[in-house]
């Protein structure tokens, strides 16, 4: 069964029950981590995020399609899930708990999902306070580390005054060798091949670009400050 056939099967299931119930069923499956699971979870949370400020703008929808690229012939399948999530009476927190359960043994995947939510929040050029509140709740529900959260924040909202050591997740007193080792590990973990290996659809690996830029900038600042 192809990726888009699995998406269509997911849509068929949601016609018989709520999307929230479908996510719960996904969490209970033994072989639950795949591209379809990631994609449906992301579509659902993105739809909830887009409604966070009370309206869904064309910019937000365009941003969703920007990082979640799909063939035009498949647009109706994707948008149906998007609309089902917006119509579902289940709240954002309920969706968070189900997605966290689906990927409870894959923290890197949850970081990928949070990355996409940041993208949706910043799509219209301004991250609404309500959206940022939901992102903070998502980070907490997913157990995302402070370093990972700051990397994603810097990738989408700018580095600002965020401590580059915090973004890399290293102590300011760490040796140059330890900092370099940590940096290389982060580069390896966020390489496109690593994202694909953990179930991120190939068309979405570009979400790592901003993250990598934040990692590289933080590392360069540390090197400059130590010279």
Protein backbone atom coordinates (compact mmCIF):
# COMPACT_ATOMS: atom_id res chain seq x y z
CA UNK A 1 0.00 0.00 0.00
CA UNK A 2 1.44 3.36 -1.03
CA UNK A 3 1.85 6.36 1.27
CA UNK A 4 -1.15 8.16 -0.20
CA UNK A 5 -3.25 4.98 -0.10
CA UNK A 6 -2.55 4.81 3.64
CA UNK A 7 -3.62 8.43 3.97
CA UNK A 8 -6.84 7.62 2.13
CA UNK A 9 -7.43 4.63 4.39
CA UNK A 10 -7.04 6.94 7.36
CA UNK A 11 -9.62 9.29 5.93
CA UNK A 12 -12.05 6.40 5.41
CA UNK A 13 -11.64 5.49 9.06
CA UNK A 14 -12.37 9.03 10.24
CA UNK A 15 -15.70 9.00 8.43
CA UNK A 16 -16.84 6.37 10.90
CA UNK A 17 -15.48 8.07 14.02
CA UNK A 18 -13.78 11.27 15.12
CA UNK A 19 -10.24 12.06 14.07
CA UNK A 20 -9.27 12.05 17.73
CA UNK A 21 -10.51 8.47 18.03
CA UNK A 22 -8.55 7.54 14.94
CA UNK A 23 -5.36 8.98 16.47
CA UNK A 24 -6.03 6.92 19.59
CA UNK A 25 -6.34 3.80 17.45
CA UNK A 26 -3.04 4.61 15.76
CA UNK A 27 -1.38 4.83 19.16
CA UNK A 28 -2.50 1.32 20.03
CA UNK A 29 -1.12 -0.30 16.88
CA UNK A 30 2.10 -2.28 17.22
CA UNK A 31 3.49 -1.12 13.88
CA UNK A 32 2.34 2.46 14.32
CA UNK A 33 5.34 4.52 13.21
CA UNK A 34 5.31 5.23 9.49
CA UNK A 35 4.93 8.12 7.10
CA UNK A 36 1.13 7.98 7.26
CA UNK A 37 1.11 8.12 11.06
CA UNK A 38 3.45 11.12 11.08
CA UNK A 39 1.51 12.89 8.35
CA UNK A 40 -1.96 12.43 9.80
CA UNK A 41 -0.77 13.50 13.25
CA UNK A 42 0.89 16.56 11.78
CA UNK A 43 -2.11 17.53 9.66
CA UNK A 44 -4.39 17.26 12.68
CA UNK A 45 -2.20 19.36 14.99
CA UNK A 46 -1.48 21.93 12.28
CA UNK A 47 -5.20 22.40 11.74
CA UNK A 48 -5.75 22.94 15.47
CA UNK A 49 -2.82 25.36 15.60
CA UNK A 50 -4.11 27.35 12.64
CA UNK A 51 -7.35 28.02 14.52
CA UNK A 52 -5.59 29.10 17.70
CA UNK A 53 -5.93 32.83 17.02
CA UNK A 54 -9.60 32.51 16.10
CA UNK A 55 -9.27 32.57 12.31
CA UNK A 56 -7.55 30.52 9.64
CA UNK A 57 -5.73 32.79 7.20
CA UNK A 58 -4.71 32.03 3.65
CA UNK A 59 -1.09 32.51 4.77
CA UNK A 60 -1.43 29.76 7.36
CA UNK A 61 -2.95 27.36 4.86
CA UNK A 62 -0.27 28.26 2.30
CA UNK A 63 2.43 27.70 4.93
CA UNK A 64 1.01 24.29 5.71
CA UNK A 65 1.18 23.34 2.04
CA UNK A 66 4.66 24.86 1.82
CA UNK A 67 6.30 22.38 4.19
CA UNK A 68 3.78 19.56 3.69
CA UNK A 69 4.17 19.22 -0.05
CA UNK A 70 1.87 16.84 -1.84
CA UNK A 71 0.72 16.17 -5.42
CA UNK A 72 -2.21 18.33 -6.47
CA UNK A 73 -4.25 15.22 -7.22
CA UNK A 74 -3.95 14.25 -3.54
CA UNK A 75 -4.95 17.67 -2.18
CA UNK A 76 -8.52 16.63 -1.44
CA UNK A 77 -7.32 13.80 0.81
CA UNK A 78 -4.99 16.03 2.81
CA UNK A 79 -7.42 18.93 3.11
CA UNK A 80 -10.20 16.61 4.26
CA UNK A 81 -8.11 15.52 7.26
CA UNK A 82 -7.24 19.18 7.87
CA UNK A 83 -10.93 20.11 7.91
CA UNK A 84 -11.94 17.14 10.04
CA UNK A 85 -9.44 18.21 12.68
CA UNK A 86 -10.75 21.78 12.66
CA UNK A 87 -14.31 20.54 13.06
CA UNK A 88 -13.56 18.01 15.79
CA UNK A 89 -14.79 19.13 19.22
CA UNK A 90 -11.76 17.49 20.84
CA UNK A 91 -9.31 20.10 22.08
CA UNK A 92 -5.68 20.71 21.20
CA UNK A 93 -4.44 19.13 24.44
CA UNK A 94 -6.34 15.93 23.70
CA UNK A 95 -4.70 15.75 20.30
CA UNK A 96 -1.30 16.39 21.88
CA UNK A 97 -1.69 13.50 24.30
CA UNK A 98 -2.61 11.12 21.50
CA UNK A 99 0.26 12.18 19.25
CA UNK A 100 2.68 11.91 22.19
CA UNK A 101 1.42 8.37 22.75
CA UNK A 102 1.86 7.44 19.08
CA UNK A 103 5.53 8.45 19.19
CA UNK A 104 6.23 7.78 22.86
CA UNK A 105 9.47 5.96 22.02
CA UNK A 106 10.60 8.41 19.34
CA UNK A 107 11.41 11.80 20.92
CA UNK A 108 13.16 12.99 17.76
CA UNK A 109 9.92 12.56 15.79
CA UNK A 110 8.04 14.66 18.35
CA UNK A 111 10.68 17.35 17.89
CA UNK A 112 10.01 17.18 14.14
CA UNK A 113 6.29 17.65 14.78
CA UNK A 114 6.95 20.64 17.06
CA UNK A 115 9.18 22.14 14.36
CA UNK A 116 6.24 22.06 11.94
CA UNK A 117 3.92 23.66 14.51
CA UNK A 118 6.37 26.54 14.87
CA UNK A 119 6.24 26.90 11.09
CA UNK A 120 2.44 27.15 11.15
CA UNK A 121 2.49 29.67 14.01
CA UNK A 122 4.95 31.96 12.24
CA UNK A 123 3.34 31.58 8.80
CA UNK A 124 1.61 34.96 8.73
CA UNK A 125 4.72 36.80 9.89
CA UNK A 126 3.61 37.11 13.51
CA UNK A 127 3.48 34.33 16.08
CA UNK A 128 0.24 35.02 17.95
CA UNK A 129 0.59 34.76 21.77
CA UNK A 130 -2.13 32.11 21.79
CA UNK A 131 -0.20 30.05 19.25
CA UNK A 132 3.00 30.36 21.26
CA UNK A 133 1.11 29.23 24.35
CA UNK A 134 -0.03 26.12 22.50
CA UNK A 135 3.49 25.45 21.28
CA UNK A 136 4.77 25.62 24.85
CA UNK A 137 2.07 23.15 25.87
CA UNK A 138 3.04 20.89 22.98
CA UNK A 139 6.71 20.98 24.03
CA UNK A 140 5.71 20.01 27.55
CA UNK A 141 3.38 17.23 26.40
CA UNK A 142 6.06 15.84 24.08
CA UNK A 143 8.83 16.06 26.69
CA UNK A 144 10.99 18.15 24.36
CA UNK A 145 14.23 19.22 26.01
CA UNK A 146 14.93 22.93 26.67
CA UNK A 147 17.83 22.83 24.18
CA UNK A 148 15.63 21.37 21.44
CA UNK A 149 12.89 23.89 22.15
CA UNK A 150 15.31 26.82 21.91
CA UNK A 151 16.73 25.44 18.66
CA UNK A 152 13.28 25.38 17.11
CA UNK A 153 12.37 28.79 18.49
CA UNK A 154 15.56 30.28 17.08
CA UNK A 155 14.95 28.61 13.71
CA UNK A 156 11.54 30.24 13.28
CA UNK A 157 11.58 33.39 15.41
CA UNK A 158 15.25 34.34 15.22
CA UNK A 159 18.17 33.70 17.53
CA UNK A 160 17.70 36.94 19.45
CA UNK A 161 19.37 36.88 22.84
CA UNK A 162 19.03 33.14 23.27
CA UNK A 163 22.22 31.70 24.68
CA UNK A 164 24.03 29.71 21.97
CA UNK A 165 25.16 27.25 24.63
CA UNK A 166 21.51 26.63 25.50
CA UNK A 167 20.65 26.02 21.85
CA UNK A 168 23.39 23.39 21.56
CA UNK A 169 22.57 22.00 24.97
CA UNK A 170 26.10 22.33 26.37
CA UNK A 171 27.49 23.93 29.49
CA UNK A 172 29.43 27.22 28.99
CA UNK A 173 32.33 25.60 30.80
CA UNK A 174 32.48 22.63 28.43
CA UNK A 175 35.73 21.99 26.62
CA UNK A 176 36.13 22.85 22.95
CA UNK A 177 36.32 19.14 22.18
CA UNK A 178 33.03 18.41 23.97
CA UNK A 179 31.28 21.30 22.23
CA UNK A 180 32.53 20.13 18.84
CA UNK A 181 31.39 16.58 19.59
CA UNK A 182 27.92 17.79 20.58
CA UNK A 183 27.69 19.94 17.47
CA UNK A 184 28.61 17.03 15.21
CA UNK A 185 26.04 14.80 16.91
CA UNK A 186 23.33 17.43 16.34
CA UNK A 187 24.28 17.76 12.68
CA UNK A 188 24.09 13.99 12.31
CA UNK A 189 20.71 13.75 14.08
CA UNK A 190 19.16 16.46 11.92
CA UNK A 191 20.52 15.31 8.58
CA UNK A 192 17.77 14.61 5.99
CA UNK A 193 18.65 10.89 5.98
CA UNK A 194 18.04 10.77 9.74
CA UNK A 195 14.60 12.38 9.34
CA UNK A 196 13.57 9.93 6.64
CA UNK A 197 14.77 7.00 8.75
CA UNK A 198 12.43 8.02 11.57
CA UNK A 199 9.37 8.29 9.35
CA UNK A 200 9.31 11.89 8.16
CA UNK A 201 7.94 11.91 4.58
CA UNK A 202 10.75 12.72 2.09
CA UNK A 203 8.91 15.80 0.84
CA UNK A 204 9.09 17.28 4.34
CA UNK A 205 12.77 16.98 5.12
CA UNK A 206 13.19 20.68 4.35
CA UNK A 207 11.80 21.39 7.84
CA UNK A 208 15.30 20.64 9.14
CA UNK A 209 16.85 23.53 7.21
CA UNK A 210 15.95 26.22 9.74
CA UNK A 211 16.93 23.97 12.61
CA UNK A 212 20.33 23.33 11.08
CA UNK A 213 20.81 27.06 10.51
CA UNK A 214 20.14 27.72 14.20
CA UNK A 215 22.58 24.99 15.22
CA UNK A 216 25.28 26.30 12.90
CA UNK A 217 24.78 29.91 14.01
CA UNK A 218 24.96 28.97 17.68
CA UNK A 219 28.13 26.97 17.11
CA UNK A 220 29.74 29.80 15.16
CA UNK A 221 28.89 32.30 17.93
CA UNK A 222 30.50 30.06 20.51
CA UNK A 223 33.66 29.71 18.42
CA UNK A 224 33.79 33.48 17.84
CA UNK A 225 33.33 34.29 21.53
CA UNK A 226 36.09 31.88 22.47
CA UNK A 227 38.65 33.29 20.05
